[in-house]
Structure formats: C-alpha cells, structure tokens
Amino acid sequence: SGTPSPAAKKILEEKNIASASVTGTG
C-alpha cells in the first residue's frame, strides 16, 4: 500500500513528487 513500483518510483523522483501524495490503484 502506497509503495511505488520501480518504474513508478523513477518517474516520481524525476517529477519530484512524494509517493505519499499519490494514491495507488494497483
């Protein structure tokens, strides 16, 4: 819950967005 996949983590880091602010649908 709330954990990004490796690909998602890379994208969020590039966009400088904290994973805690994203709701996961997986």
mmCIF file of all heavy atoms, coordinates in Angstrom:
data_MODEL
# 
_entry.id   MODEL 
# 
loop_
_atom_site.group_PDB 
_atom_site.id 
_atom_site.type_symbol 
_atom_site.label_atom_id 
_atom_site.label_alt_id 
_atom_site.label_comp_id 
_atom_site.label_asym_id 
_atom_site.label_entity_id 
_atom_site.label_seq_id 
_atom_site.pdbx_PDB_ins_code 
_atom_site.Cartn_x 
_atom_site.Cartn_y 
_atom_site.Cartn_z 
_atom_site.occupancy 
_atom_site.B_iso_or_equiv 
_atom_site.pdbx_formal_charge 
_atom_site.auth_seq_id 
_atom_site.auth_comp_id 
_atom_site.auth_asym_id 
_atom_site.auth_atom_id 
_atom_site.pdbx_PDB_model_num 
ATOM 1   N N   . SER A 1 1  ? 0.827  -1.194 0.000   1.00 0.00 ? 1  SER A N   1 
ATOM 2   C CA  . SER A 1 1  ? 0.000  0.000  0.000   1.00 0.00 ? 1  SER A CA  1 
ATOM 3   C C   . SER A 1 1  ? 0.871  1.259  0.000   1.00 0.00 ? 1  SER A C   1 
ATOM 4   O O   . SER A 1 1  ? 1.687  1.458  0.906   1.00 0.00 ? 1  SER A O   1 
ATOM 5   C CB  . SER A 1 1  ? -0.923 0.000  1.216   1.00 0.00 ? 1  SER A CB  1 
ATOM 6   O OG  . SER A 1 1  ? -1.739 1.142  1.215   1.00 0.00 ? 1  SER A OG  1 
ATOM 7   N N   . GLY A 1 2  ? 0.717  2.090  -1.060  1.00 0.00 ? 2  GLY A N   1 
ATOM 8   C CA  . GLY A 1 2  ? 1.484  3.332  -1.144  1.00 0.00 ? 2  GLY A CA  1 
ATOM 9   C C   . GLY A 1 2  ? 2.915  3.156  -1.588  1.00 0.00 ? 2  GLY A C   1 
ATOM 10  O O   . GLY A 1 2  ? 3.679  4.126  -1.624  1.00 0.00 ? 2  GLY A O   1 
ATOM 11  N N   . THR A 1 3  ? 3.297  1.920  -1.940  1.00 0.00 ? 3  THR A N   1 
ATOM 12  C CA  . THR A 1 3  ? 4.669  1.659  -2.382  1.00 0.00 ? 3  THR A CA  1 
ATOM 13  C C   . THR A 1 3  ? 4.730  1.689  -3.907  1.00 0.00 ? 3  THR A C   1 
ATOM 14  O O   . THR A 1 3  ? 3.978  0.980  -4.569  1.00 0.00 ? 3  THR A O   1 
ATOM 15  C CB  . THR A 1 3  ? 5.159  0.283  -1.888  1.00 0.00 ? 3  THR A CB  1 
ATOM 16  O OG1 . THR A 1 3  ? 5.088  0.261  -0.462  1.00 0.00 ? 3  THR A OG1 1 
ATOM 17  C CG2 . THR A 1 3  ? 6.590  0.029  -2.342  1.00 0.00 ? 3  THR A CG2 1 
ATOM 18  N N   . PRO A 1 4  ? 5.601  2.518  -4.488  1.00 0.00 ? 4  PRO A N   1 
ATOM 19  C CA  . PRO A 1 4  ? 5.668  2.584  -5.955  1.00 0.00 ? 4  PRO A CA  1 
ATOM 20  C C   . PRO A 1 4  ? 6.451  1.415  -6.532  1.00 0.00 ? 4  PRO A C   1 
ATOM 21  O O   . PRO A 1 4  ? 7.389  0.895  -5.905  1.00 0.00 ? 4  PRO A O   1 
ATOM 22  C CB  . PRO A 1 4  ? 6.394  3.905  -6.218  1.00 0.00 ? 4  PRO A CB  1 
ATOM 23  C CG  . PRO A 1 4  ? 7.245  4.112  -5.002  1.00 0.00 ? 4  PRO A CG  1 
ATOM 24  C CD  . PRO A 1 4  ? 6.485  3.513  -3.856  1.00 0.00 ? 4  PRO A CD  1 
ATOM 25  N N   . SER A 1 5  ? 6.040  0.984  -7.709  1.00 0.00 ? 5  SER A N   1 
ATOM 26  C CA  . SER A 1 5  ? 6.842  0.004  -8.442  1.00 0.00 ? 5  SER A CA  1 
ATOM 27  C C   . SER A 1 5  ? 8.157  0.668  -8.832  1.00 0.00 ? 5  SER A C   1 
ATOM 28  O O   . SER A 1 5  ? 8.277  1.897  -8.785  1.00 0.00 ? 5  SER A O   1 
ATOM 29  C CB  . SER A 1 5  ? 6.087  -0.444 -9.694  1.00 0.00 ? 5  SER A CB  1 
ATOM 30  O OG  . SER A 1 5  ? 6.006  0.621  -10.623 1.00 0.00 ? 5  SER A OG  1 
ATOM 31  N N   . PRO A 1 6  ? 9.190  -0.101 -9.222  1.00 0.00 ? 6  PRO A N   1 
ATOM 32  C CA  . PRO A 1 6  ? 10.468 0.515  -9.609  1.00 0.00 ? 6  PRO A CA  1 
ATOM 33  C C   . PRO A 1 6  ? 10.303 1.569  -10.700 1.00 0.00 ? 6  PRO A C   1 
ATOM 34  O O   . PRO A 1 6  ? 10.908 2.650  -10.631 1.00 0.00 ? 6  PRO A O   1 
ATOM 35  C CB  . PRO A 1 6  ? 11.297 -0.685 -10.084 1.00 0.00 ? 6  PRO A CB  1 
ATOM 36  C CG  . PRO A 1 6  ? 10.749 -1.841 -9.306  1.00 0.00 ? 6  PRO A CG  1 
ATOM 37  C CD  . PRO A 1 6  ? 9.288  -1.580 -9.177  1.00 0.00 ? 6  PRO A CD  1 
ATOM 38  N N   . ALA A 1 7  ? 9.479  1.265  -11.718 1.00 0.00 ? 7  ALA A N   1 
ATOM 39  C CA  . ALA A 1 7  ? 9.285  2.236  -12.803 1.00 0.00 ? 7  ALA A CA  1 
ATOM 40  C C   . ALA A 1 7  ? 8.572  3.476  -12.287 1.00 0.00 ? 7  ALA A C   1 
ATOM 41  O O   . ALA A 1 7  ? 8.916  4.618  -12.645 1.00 0.00 ? 7  ALA A O   1 
ATOM 42  C CB  . ALA A 1 7  ? 8.488  1.605  -13.946 1.00 0.00 ? 7  ALA A CB  1 
ATOM 43  N N   . ALA A 1 8  ? 7.561  3.270  -11.421 1.00 0.00 ? 8  ALA A N   1 
ATOM 44  C CA  . ALA A 1 8  ? 6.821  4.402  -10.866 1.00 0.00 ? 8  ALA A CA  1 
ATOM 45  C C   . ALA A 1 8  ? 7.723  5.255  -9.975  1.00 0.00 ? 8  ALA A C   1 
ATOM 46  O O   . ALA A 1 8  ? 7.645  6.490  -9.985  1.00 0.00 ? 8  ALA A O   1 
ATOM 47  C CB  . ALA A 1 8  ? 5.617  3.899  -10.079 1.00 0.00 ? 8  ALA A CB  1 
ATOM 48  N N   . LYS A 1 9  ? 8.586  4.604  -9.213  1.00 0.00 ? 9  LYS A N   1 
ATOM 49  C CA  . LYS A 1 9  ? 9.497  5.336  -8.321  1.00 0.00 ? 9  LYS A CA  1 
ATOM 50  C C   . LYS A 1 9  ? 10.417 6.252  -9.115  1.00 0.00 ? 9  LYS A C   1 
ATOM 51  O O   . LYS A 1 9  ? 10.635 7.413  -8.743  1.00 0.00 ? 9  LYS A O   1 
ATOM 52  C CB  . LYS A 1 9  ? 10.321 4.341  -7.500  1.00 0.00 ? 9  LYS A CB  1 
ATOM 53  C CG  . LYS A 1 9  ? 11.270 5.012  -6.516  1.00 0.00 ? 9  LYS A CG  1 
ATOM 54  C CD  . LYS A 1 9  ? 12.059 3.978  -5.712  1.00 0.00 ? 9  LYS A CD  1 
ATOM 55  C CE  . LYS A 1 9  ? 13.001 4.673  -4.742  1.00 0.00 ? 9  LYS A CE  1 
ATOM 56  N NZ  . LYS A 1 9  ? 13.816 3.703  -3.974  1.00 0.00 ? 9  LYS A NZ  1 
ATOM 57  N N   . LYS A 1 10 ? 10.930 5.742  -10.226 1.00 0.00 ? 10 LYS A N   1 
ATOM 58  C CA  . LYS A 1 10 ? 11.824 6.545  -11.067 1.00 0.00 ? 10 LYS A CA  1 
ATOM 59  C C   . LYS A 1 10 ? 11.093 7.779  -11.614 1.00 0.00 ? 10 LYS A C   1 
ATOM 60  O O   . LYS A 1 10 ? 11.626 8.901  -11.604 1.00 0.00 ? 10 LYS A O   1 
ATOM 61  C CB  . LYS A 1 10 ? 12.366 5.701  -12.216 1.00 0.00 ? 10 LYS A CB  1 
ATOM 62  C CG  . LYS A 1 10 ? 13.369 6.415  -13.115 1.00 0.00 ? 10 LYS A CG  1 
ATOM 63  C CD  . LYS A 1 10 ? 13.930 5.452  -14.151 1.00 0.00 ? 10 LYS A CD  1 
ATOM 64  C CE  . LYS A 1 10 ? 15.025 6.096  -14.982 1.00 0.00 ? 10 LYS A CE  1 
ATOM 65  N NZ  . LYS A 1 10 ? 14.521 7.205  -15.798 1.00 0.00 ? 10 LYS A NZ  1 
ATOM 66  N N   . ILE A 1 11 ? 9.864  7.583  -12.081 1.00 0.00 ? 11 ILE A N   1 
ATOM 67  C CA  . ILE A 1 11 ? 9.083  8.688  -12.637 1.00 0.00 ? 11 ILE A CA  1 
ATOM 68  C C   . ILE A 1 11 ? 8.771  9.722  -11.568 1.00 0.00 ? 11 ILE A C   1 
ATOM 69  O O   . ILE A 1 11 ? 8.895  10.940 -11.786 1.00 0.00 ? 11 ILE A O   1 
ATOM 70  C CB  . ILE A 1 11 ? 7.793  8.151  -13.282 1.00 0.00 ? 11 ILE A CB  1 
ATOM 71  C CG1 . ILE A 1 11 ? 8.126  7.294  -14.498 1.00 0.00 ? 11 ILE A CG1 1 
ATOM 72  C CG2 . ILE A 1 11 ? 6.864  9.297  -13.677 1.00 0.00 ? 11 ILE A CG2 1 
ATOM 73  C CD1 . ILE A 1 11 ? 6.932  6.560  -15.079 1.00 0.00 ? 11 ILE A CD1 1 
ATOM 74  N N   . LEU A 1 12 ? 8.376  9.265  -10.376 1.00 0.00 ? 12 LEU A N   1 
ATOM 75  C CA  . LEU A 1 12 ? 8.058  10.198 -9.297  1.00 0.00 ? 12 LEU A CA  1 
ATOM 76  C C   . LEU A 1 12 ? 9.283  10.995 -8.865  1.00 0.00 ? 12 LEU A C   1 
ATOM 77  O O   . LEU A 1 12 ? 9.185  12.192 -8.563  1.00 0.00 ? 12 LEU A O   1 
ATOM 78  C CB  . LEU A 1 12 ? 7.484  9.426  -8.107  1.00 0.00 ? 12 LEU A CB  1 
ATOM 79  C CG  . LEU A 1 12 ? 6.089  8.805  -8.314  1.00 0.00 ? 12 LEU A CG  1 
ATOM 80  C CD1 . LEU A 1 12 ? 5.685  7.989  -7.094  1.00 0.00 ? 12 LEU A CD1 1 
ATOM 81  C CD2 . LEU A 1 12 ? 5.051  9.880  -8.597  1.00 0.00 ? 12 LEU A CD2 1 
ATOM 82  N N   . GLU A 1 13 ? 10.447 10.350 -8.848  1.00 0.00 ? 13 GLU A N   1 
ATOM 83  C CA  . GLU A 1 13 ? 11.675 11.061 -8.489  1.00 0.00 ? 13 GLU A CA  1 
ATOM 84  C C   . GLU A 1 13 ? 12.005 12.125 -9.525  1.00 0.00 ? 13 GLU A C   1 
ATOM 85  O O   . GLU A 1 13 ? 12.441 13.233 -9.186  1.00 0.00 ? 13 GLU A O   1 
ATOM 86  C CB  . GLU A 1 13 ? 12.833 10.067 -8.348  1.00 0.00 ? 13 GLU A CB  1 
ATOM 87  C CG  . GLU A 1 13 ? 12.734 9.193  -7.109  1.00 0.00 ? 13 GLU A CG  1 
ATOM 88  C CD  . GLU A 1 13 ? 13.825 8.131  -7.053  1.00 0.00 ? 13 GLU A CD  1 
ATOM 89  O OE1 . GLU A 1 13 ? 14.518 7.942  -8.080  1.00 0.00 ? 13 GLU A OE1 1 
ATOM 90  O OE2 . GLU A 1 13 ? 13.974 7.492  -5.991  1.00 0.00 ? 13 GLU A OE2 1 
ATOM 91  N N   . GLU A 1 14 ? 11.806 11.802 -10.815 1.00 0.00 ? 14 GLU A N   1 
ATOM 92  C CA  . GLU A 1 14 ? 12.073 12.767 -11.872 1.00 0.00 ? 14 GLU A CA  1 
ATOM 93  C C   . GLU A 1 14 ? 11.117 13.956 -11.794 1.00 0.00 ? 14 GLU A C   1 
ATOM 94  O O   . GLU A 1 14 ? 11.488 15.093 -12.102 1.00 0.00 ? 14 GLU A O   1 
ATOM 95  C CB  . GLU A 1 14 ? 11.950 12.093 -13.242 1.00 0.00 ? 14 GLU A CB  1 
ATOM 96  C CG  . GLU A 1 14 ? 13.061 11.098 -13.540 1.00 0.00 ? 14 GLU A CG  1 
ATOM 97  C CD  . GLU A 1 14 ? 12.818 10.323 -14.824 1.00 0.00 ? 14 GLU A CD  1 
ATOM 98  O OE1 . GLU A 1 14 ? 11.701 10.444 -15.384 1.00 0.00 ? 14 GLU A OE1 1 
ATOM 99  O OE2 . GLU A 1 14 ? 13.731 9.602  -15.270 1.00 0.00 ? 14 GLU A OE2 1 
ATOM 100 N N   . LYS A 1 15 ? 9.877  13.705 -11.351 1.00 0.00 ? 15 LYS A N   1 
ATOM 101 C CA  . LYS A 1 15 ? 8.883  14.765 -11.247 1.00 0.00 ? 15 LYS A CA  1 
ATOM 102 C C   . LYS A 1 15 ? 8.899  15.440 -9.874  1.00 0.00 ? 15 LYS A C   1 
ATOM 103 O O   . LYS A 1 15 ? 8.132  16.382 -9.634  1.00 0.00 ? 15 LYS A O   1 
ATOM 104 C CB  . LYS A 1 15 ? 7.489  14.201 -11.539 1.00 0.00 ? 15 LYS A CB  1 
ATOM 105 C CG  . LYS A 1 15 ? 7.356  13.658 -12.959 1.00 0.00 ? 15 LYS A CG  1 
ATOM 106 C CD  . LYS A 1 15 ? 6.074  12.867 -13.177 1.00 0.00 ? 15 LYS A CD  1 
ATOM 107 C CE  . LYS A 1 15 ? 4.858  13.737 -13.256 1.00 0.00 ? 15 LYS A CE  1 
ATOM 108 N NZ  . LYS A 1 15 ? 3.647  12.973 -13.675 1.00 0.00 ? 15 LYS A NZ  1 
ATOM 109 N N   . ASN A 1 16 ? 9.774  14.926 -8.996  1.00 0.00 ? 16 ASN A N   1 
ATOM 110 C CA  . ASN A 1 16 ? 9.908  15.473 -7.644  1.00 0.00 ? 16 ASN A CA  1 
ATOM 111 C C   . ASN A 1 16 ? 8.578  15.439 -6.891  1.00 0.00 ? 16 ASN A C   1 
ATOM 112 O O   . ASN A 1 16 ? 8.153  16.415 -6.281  1.00 0.00 ? 16 ASN A O   1 
ATOM 113 C CB  . ASN A 1 16 ? 10.453 16.908 -7.688  1.00 0.00 ? 16 ASN A CB  1 
ATOM 114 C CG  . ASN A 1 16 ? 10.993 17.359 -6.339  1.00 0.00 ? 16 ASN A CG  1 
ATOM 115 O OD1 . ASN A 1 16 ? 11.418 16.539 -5.520  1.00 0.00 ? 16 ASN A OD1 1 
ATOM 116 N ND2 . ASN A 1 16 ? 10.971 18.656 -6.100  1.00 0.00 ? 16 ASN A ND2 1 
ATOM 117 N N   . ILE A 1 17 ? 7.914  14.285 -6.963  1.00 0.00 ? 17 ILE A N   1 
ATOM 118 C CA  . ILE A 1 17 ? 6.640  14.087 -6.283  1.00 0.00 ? 17 ILE A CA  1 
ATOM 119 C C   . ILE A 1 17 ? 6.814  13.006 -5.230  1.00 0.00 ? 17 ILE A C   1 
ATOM 120 O O   . ILE A 1 17 ? 7.331  11.919 -5.522  1.00 0.00 ? 17 ILE A O   1 
ATOM 121 C CB  . ILE A 1 17 ? 5.540  13.682 -7.284  1.00 0.00 ? 17 ILE A CB  1 
ATOM 122 C CG1 . ILE A 1 17 ? 5.315  14.792 -8.324  1.00 0.00 ? 17 ILE A CG1 1 
ATOM 123 C CG2 . ILE A 1 17 ? 4.232  13.369 -6.568  1.00 0.00 ? 17 ILE A CG2 1 
ATOM 124 C CD1 . ILE A 1 17 ? 4.323  14.431 -9.401  1.00 0.00 ? 17 ILE A CD1 1 
ATOM 125 N N   . ALA A 1 18 ? 6.387  13.286 -4.007  1.00 0.00 ? 18 ALA A N   1 
ATOM 126 C CA  . ALA A 1 18 ? 6.482  12.303 -2.922  1.00 0.00 ? 18 ALA A CA  1 
ATOM 127 C C   . ALA A 1 18 ? 5.460  11.203 -3.140  1.00 0.00 ? 18 ALA A C   1 
ATOM 128 O O   . ALA A 1 18 ? 4.296  11.468 -3.476  1.00 0.00 ? 18 ALA A O   1 
ATOM 129 C CB  . ALA A 1 18 ? 6.257  12.981 -1.569  1.00 0.00 ? 18 ALA A CB  1 
ATOM 130 N N   . SER A 1 19 ? 5.872  9.956  -2.940  1.00 0.00 ? 19 SER A N   1 
ATOM 131 C CA  . SER A 1 19 ? 4.960  8.827  -3.141  1.00 0.00 ? 19 SER A CA  1 
ATOM 132 C C   . SER A 1 19 ? 3.784  8.882  -2.175  1.00 0.00 ? 19 SER A C   1 
ATOM 133 O O   . SER A 1 19 ? 2.705  8.374  -2.466  1.00 0.00 ? 19 SER A O   1 
ATOM 134 C CB  . SER A 1 19 ? 5.724  7.506  -2.994  1.00 0.00 ? 19 SER A CB  1 
ATOM 135 O OG  . SER A 1 19 ? 6.325  7.415  -1.708  1.00 0.00 ? 19 SER A OG  1 
ATOM 136 N N   . ALA A 1 20 ? 3.992  9.522  -1.006  1.00 0.00 ? 20 ALA A N   1 
ATOM 137 C CA  . ALA A 1 20 ? 2.915  9.597  -0.019  1.00 0.00 ? 20 ALA A CA  1 
ATOM 138 C C   . ALA A 1 20 ? 1.734  10.420 -0.526  1.00 0.00 ? 20 ALA A C   1 
ATOM 139 O O   . ALA A 1 20 ? 0.613  10.292 -0.023  1.00 0.00 ? 20 ALA A O   1 
ATOM 140 C CB  . ALA A 1 20 ? 3.438  10.198 1.287   1.00 0.00 ? 20 ALA A CB  1 
ATOM 141 N N   . SER A 1 21 ? 1.984  11.278 -1.536  1.00 0.00 ? 21 SER A N   1 
ATOM 142 C CA  . SER A 1 21 ? 0.908  12.125 -2.050  1.00 0.00 ? 21 SER A CA  1 
ATOM 143 C C   . SER A 1 21 ? 0.166  11.476 -3.210  1.00 0.00 ? 21 SER A C   1 
ATOM 144 O O   . SER A 1 21 ? -0.741 12.077 -3.785  1.00 0.00 ? 21 SER A O   1 
ATOM 145 C CB  . SER A 1 21 ? 1.485  13.480 -2.512  1.00 0.00 ? 21 SER A CB  1 
ATOM 146 O OG  . SER A 1 21 ? 2.360  13.298 -3.620  1.00 0.00 ? 21 SER A OG  1 
ATOM 147 N N   . VAL A 1 22 ? 0.546  10.239 -3.568  1.00 0.00 ? 22 VAL A N   1 
ATOM 148 C CA  . VAL A 1 22 ? -0.068 9.556  -4.700  1.00 0.00 ? 22 VAL A CA  1 
ATOM 149 C C   . VAL A 1 22 ? -0.876 8.360  -4.200  1.00 0.00 ? 22 VAL A C   1 
ATOM 150 O O   . VAL A 1 22 ? -0.396 7.578  -3.381  1.00 0.00 ? 22 VAL A O   1 
ATOM 151 C CB  . VAL A 1 22 ? 1.014  9.076  -5.702  1.00 0.00 ? 22 VAL A CB  1 
ATOM 152 C CG1 . VAL A 1 22 ? 0.370  8.369  -6.893  1.00 0.00 ? 22 VAL A CG1 1 
ATOM 153 C CG2 . VAL A 1 22 ? 1.868  10.250 -6.173  1.00 0.00 ? 22 VAL A CG2 1 
ATOM 154 N N   . THR A 1 23 ? -2.090 8.230  -4.696  1.00 0.00 ? 23 THR A N   1 
ATOM 155 C CA  . THR A 1 23 ? -2.936 7.093  -4.340  1.00 0.00 ? 23 THR A CA  1 
ATOM 156 C C   . THR A 1 23 ? -2.694 5.966  -5.330  1.00 0.00 ? 23 THR A C   1 
ATOM 157 O O   . THR A 1 23 ? -2.863 6.152  -6.544  1.00 0.00 ? 23 THR A O   1 
ATOM 158 C CB  . THR A 1 23 ? -4.422 7.491  -4.366  1.00 0.00 ? 23 THR A CB  1 
ATOM 159 O OG1 . THR A 1 23 ? -4.634 8.559  -3.429  1.00 0.00 ? 23 THR A OG1 1 
ATOM 160 C CG2 . THR A 1 23 ? -5.307 6.300  -4.005  1.00 0.00 ? 23 THR A CG2 1 
ATOM 161 N N   . GLY A 1 24 ? -2.284 4.828  -4.843  1.00 0.00 ? 24 GLY A N   1 
ATOM 162 C CA  . GLY A 1 24 ? -2.015 3.698  -5.716  1.00 0.00 ? 24 GLY A CA  1 
ATOM 163 C C   . GLY A 1 24 ? -3.275 2.972  -6.132  1.00 0.00 ? 24 GLY A C   1 
ATOM 164 O O   . GLY A 1 24 ? -4.173 2.769  -5.306  1.00 0.00 ? 24 GLY A O   1 
ATOM 165 N N   . THR A 1 25 ? -3.337 2.606  -7.390  1.00 0.00 ? 25 THR A N   1 
ATOM 166 C CA  . THR A 1 25 ? -4.508 1.864  -7.899  1.00 0.00 ? 25 THR A CA  1 
ATOM 167 C C   . THR A 1 25 ? -4.160 0.416  -8.209  1.00 0.00 ? 25 THR A C   1 
ATOM 168 O O   . THR A 1 25 ? -5.013 -0.338 -8.687  1.00 0.00 ? 25 THR A O   1 
ATOM 169 C CB  . THR A 1 25 ? -5.052 2.530  -9.178  1.00 0.00 ? 25 THR A CB  1 
ATOM 170 O OG1 . THR A 1 25 ? -4.044 2.495  -10.201 1.00 0.00 ? 25 THR A OG1 1 
ATOM 171 C CG2 . THR A 1 25 ? -5.456 3.979  -8.921  1.00 0.00 ? 25 THR A CG2 1 
ATOM 172 N N   . GLY A 1 26 ? -2.914 0.031  -7.964  1.00 0.00 ? 26 GLY A N   1 
ATOM 173 C CA  . GLY A 1 26 ? -2.506 -1.336 -8.238  1.00 0.00 ? 26 GLY A CA  1 
ATOM 174 C C   . GLY A 1 26 ? -2.960 -2.292 -7.155  1.00 0.00 ? 26 GLY A C   1 
ATOM 175 O O   . GLY A 1 26 ? -3.691 -1.926 -6.215  1.00 0.00 ? 26 GLY A O   1 
# 
